[in-house]
Amino acid sequence: MSKVYSLRAVQRIPVTLQEAWDFFSRPDNLADITPNDMGFVVRSTSHSKEMYPGQLIEYTVRPLFGIPVYWMTEITHVQEPVYFVDEQRYGPYSLWHHQHHFKEIPGGVEMTDIVHYKIPFWFIGDIANTLLVRKKLQQIFDFRKQAVEQRFGKM
């Protein structure tokens, strides 16, 4: 059985808590902070202006080797403007649980992402994580940090 891995990313941005929430809780903004080579496209139509528990979001993404993958996540928890959680319902992982936390700090907001993920295919998934997946996820969060700094500034 393959392992459950985790990744944590923290970023401080010079915006209000509400500005951070308004931007990061809208799925359509994800493409702006995702590397172009990921081919990230939101496919679903939002049925509400506000994020809510039970909301399903569909994407197409090209995580490895340019191969398109259908991905569906569900927003399972929302406490505006403090945190929300998305979990994969269909896609490339055996488990994907992504927590998005926002905390007001002097001069802005501290944003913390915590991702727990598991790759299918038992020990082959562990090898894939070591060789490819972990590095790719880290690259995505590194790109995101730069994109957020370009959009909102740096603290």
Protein backbone atom coordinates (compact mmCIF):
# COMPACT_ATOMS: atom_id res chain seq x y z
CA MET A 1 0.00 0.00 0.00
CA SER A 2 1.38 3.42 -0.91
CA LYS A 3 1.91 6.12 1.68
CA VAL A 4 -0.03 9.30 2.37
CA TYR A 5 2.18 12.33 1.75
CA SER A 6 1.76 15.91 2.82
CA LEU A 7 2.93 19.26 1.57
CA ARG A 8 2.68 22.59 3.41
CA ALA A 9 3.13 26.01 1.85
CA VAL A 10 2.95 29.34 3.69
CA GLN A 11 2.84 32.75 2.06
CA ARG A 12 2.31 36.24 3.43
CA ILE A 13 0.58 38.71 1.15
CA PRO A 14 -0.17 42.44 1.64
CA VAL A 15 -3.96 42.34 1.28
CA THR A 16 -6.94 42.31 3.59
CA LEU A 17 -8.44 39.05 4.75
CA GLN A 18 -11.53 39.69 2.62
CA GLU A 19 -9.46 40.41 -0.50
CA ALA A 20 -7.54 37.16 -0.02
CA TRP A 21 -10.74 35.22 0.50
CA ASP A 22 -12.46 36.79 -2.50
CA PHE A 23 -9.60 35.84 -4.80
CA PHE A 24 -8.66 32.35 -3.57
CA SER A 25 -12.21 31.09 -3.02
CA ARG A 26 -13.11 31.57 -6.70
CA PRO A 27 -12.16 28.57 -8.86
CA ASP A 28 -11.84 30.70 -12.01
CA ASN A 29 -8.81 32.43 -10.47
CA LEU A 30 -6.87 29.16 -10.13
CA ALA A 31 -5.68 29.21 -13.74
CA ASP A 32 -3.98 32.58 -13.10
CA ILE A 33 -1.77 31.07 -10.40
CA THR A 34 -1.10 27.69 -12.02
CA PRO A 35 1.81 27.08 -14.42
CA ASN A 36 0.76 27.27 -18.07
CA ASP A 37 2.28 23.85 -18.82
CA MET A 38 -0.33 22.30 -16.52
CA GLY A 39 -3.06 23.14 -19.05
CA PHE A 40 -5.40 23.94 -16.15
CA VAL A 41 -8.97 24.70 -17.27
CA VAL A 42 -12.06 24.93 -15.07
CA ARG A 43 -14.80 23.00 -16.90
CA SER A 44 -17.74 23.36 -14.54
CA THR A 45 -20.18 26.22 -14.27
CA SER A 46 -20.56 27.81 -10.86
CA HIS A 47 -24.12 27.81 -9.59
CA SER A 48 -23.39 30.35 -6.87
CA LYS A 49 -21.30 33.47 -6.42
CA GLU A 50 -20.21 32.17 -3.02
CA MET A 51 -18.29 29.00 -2.25
CA TYR A 52 -20.32 26.44 -0.32
CA PRO A 53 -19.91 22.94 1.15
CA GLY A 54 -20.93 20.36 -1.42
CA GLN A 55 -19.87 22.49 -4.39
CA LEU A 56 -18.34 20.39 -7.17
CA ILE A 57 -15.66 21.84 -9.42
CA GLU A 58 -14.51 20.10 -12.61
CA TYR A 59 -11.16 20.71 -14.28
CA THR A 60 -8.94 19.44 -17.01
CA VAL A 61 -5.28 19.40 -16.03
CA ARG A 62 -2.09 18.09 -17.62
CA PRO A 63 0.01 17.18 -14.58
CA LEU A 64 2.63 14.95 -16.21
CA PHE A 65 3.89 14.50 -19.75
CA GLY A 66 1.14 16.75 -21.20
CA ILE A 67 -1.48 14.02 -20.79
CA PRO A 68 -4.93 15.54 -20.11
CA VAL A 69 -6.63 14.34 -16.94
CA TYR A 70 -10.21 14.99 -15.79
CA TRP A 71 -10.33 16.11 -12.17
CA MET A 72 -13.33 16.77 -9.94
CA THR A 73 -13.05 18.24 -6.47
CA GLU A 74 -15.69 18.90 -3.85
CA ILE A 75 -15.61 21.82 -1.44
CA THR A 76 -16.25 19.95 1.80
CA HIS A 77 -15.73 22.64 4.46
CA VAL A 78 -16.09 26.41 4.38
CA GLN A 79 -15.66 28.92 7.18
CA GLU A 80 -15.49 32.30 5.47
CA PRO A 81 -12.96 33.98 5.52
CA VAL A 82 -10.85 31.60 7.63
CA TYR A 83 -10.53 28.36 5.64
CA PHE A 84 -11.96 26.02 3.07
CA VAL A 85 -11.17 22.43 2.10
CA ASP A 86 -11.34 20.77 -1.28
CA GLU A 87 -11.22 16.99 -1.73
CA GLN A 88 -10.82 15.04 -4.94
CA ARG A 89 -13.86 13.05 -5.98
CA TYR A 90 -12.40 11.88 -9.29
CA GLY A 91 -8.90 12.30 -10.67
CA PRO A 92 -5.28 11.23 -10.58
CA TYR A 93 -4.85 10.66 -6.83
CA SER A 94 -6.15 7.97 -4.50
CA LEU A 95 -6.50 10.76 -1.92
CA TRP A 96 -6.40 14.53 -2.30
CA HIS A 97 -7.31 16.68 0.70
CA HIS A 98 -6.34 20.34 0.36
CA GLN A 99 -6.81 22.79 3.21
CA HIS A 100 -6.64 26.54 2.50
CA HIS A 101 -6.17 28.67 5.66
CA PHE A 102 -6.18 32.48 5.89
CA LYS A 103 -5.06 34.43 8.95
CA GLU A 104 -4.90 38.17 9.37
CA ILE A 105 -1.43 39.37 10.36
CA PRO A 106 0.07 42.87 10.66
CA GLY A 107 0.23 44.30 7.15
CA GLY A 108 -1.71 41.55 5.42
CA VAL A 109 -2.66 37.89 5.42
CA GLU A 110 -0.80 34.67 6.07
CA MET A 111 -2.07 32.00 3.72
CA THR A 112 -1.30 28.36 4.50
CA ASP A 113 -1.98 25.43 2.19
CA ILE A 114 -1.83 21.91 3.58
CA VAL A 115 -2.21 19.08 1.10
CA HIS A 116 -2.46 15.41 1.97
CA TYR A 117 -2.27 13.14 -1.03
CA LYS A 118 -1.84 9.52 -1.96
CA ILE A 119 -0.85 8.10 -5.29
CA PRO A 120 -2.41 4.89 -6.62
CA PHE A 121 -0.51 1.73 -7.58
CA TRP A 122 1.00 0.80 -4.20
CA PHE A 123 4.79 0.91 -4.11
CA ILE A 124 4.90 2.10 -7.74
CA GLY A 125 3.01 5.20 -6.53
CA ASP A 126 5.68 5.72 -3.86
CA ILE A 127 8.39 5.53 -6.51
CA ALA A 128 6.44 7.93 -8.75
CA ASN A 129 6.13 10.34 -5.83
CA THR A 130 9.87 10.26 -5.19
CA LEU A 131 10.82 10.67 -8.85
CA LEU A 132 8.07 12.94 -10.21
CA VAL A 133 4.97 13.88 -8.25
CA ARG A 134 6.44 15.54 -5.16
CA LYS A 135 8.75 17.70 -7.29
CA LYS A 136 5.89 18.68 -9.60
CA LEU A 137 3.65 19.66 -6.69
CA GLN A 138 6.46 21.73 -5.18
CA GLN A 139 7.00 23.45 -8.55
CA ILE A 140 3.30 24.28 -8.72
CA PHE A 141 3.35 25.87 -5.26
CA ASP A 142 6.60 27.73 -6.07
CA PHE A 143 5.01 29.10 -9.24
CA ARG A 144 1.90 30.02 -7.29
CA LYS A 145 3.97 31.96 -4.77
CA GLN A 146 5.57 34.01 -7.55
CA ALA A 147 2.25 34.59 -9.34
CA VAL A 148 0.60 35.75 -6.10
CA GLU A 149 3.51 38.11 -5.40
CA GLN A 150 3.21 39.58 -8.90
CA ARG A 151 -0.52 40.07 -8.47
CA PHE A 152 -0.66 41.36 -4.89
CA GLY A 153 2.89 42.35 -3.95
CA LYS A 154 5.38 40.93 -1.50
CA MET A 155 5.61 41.18 2.27
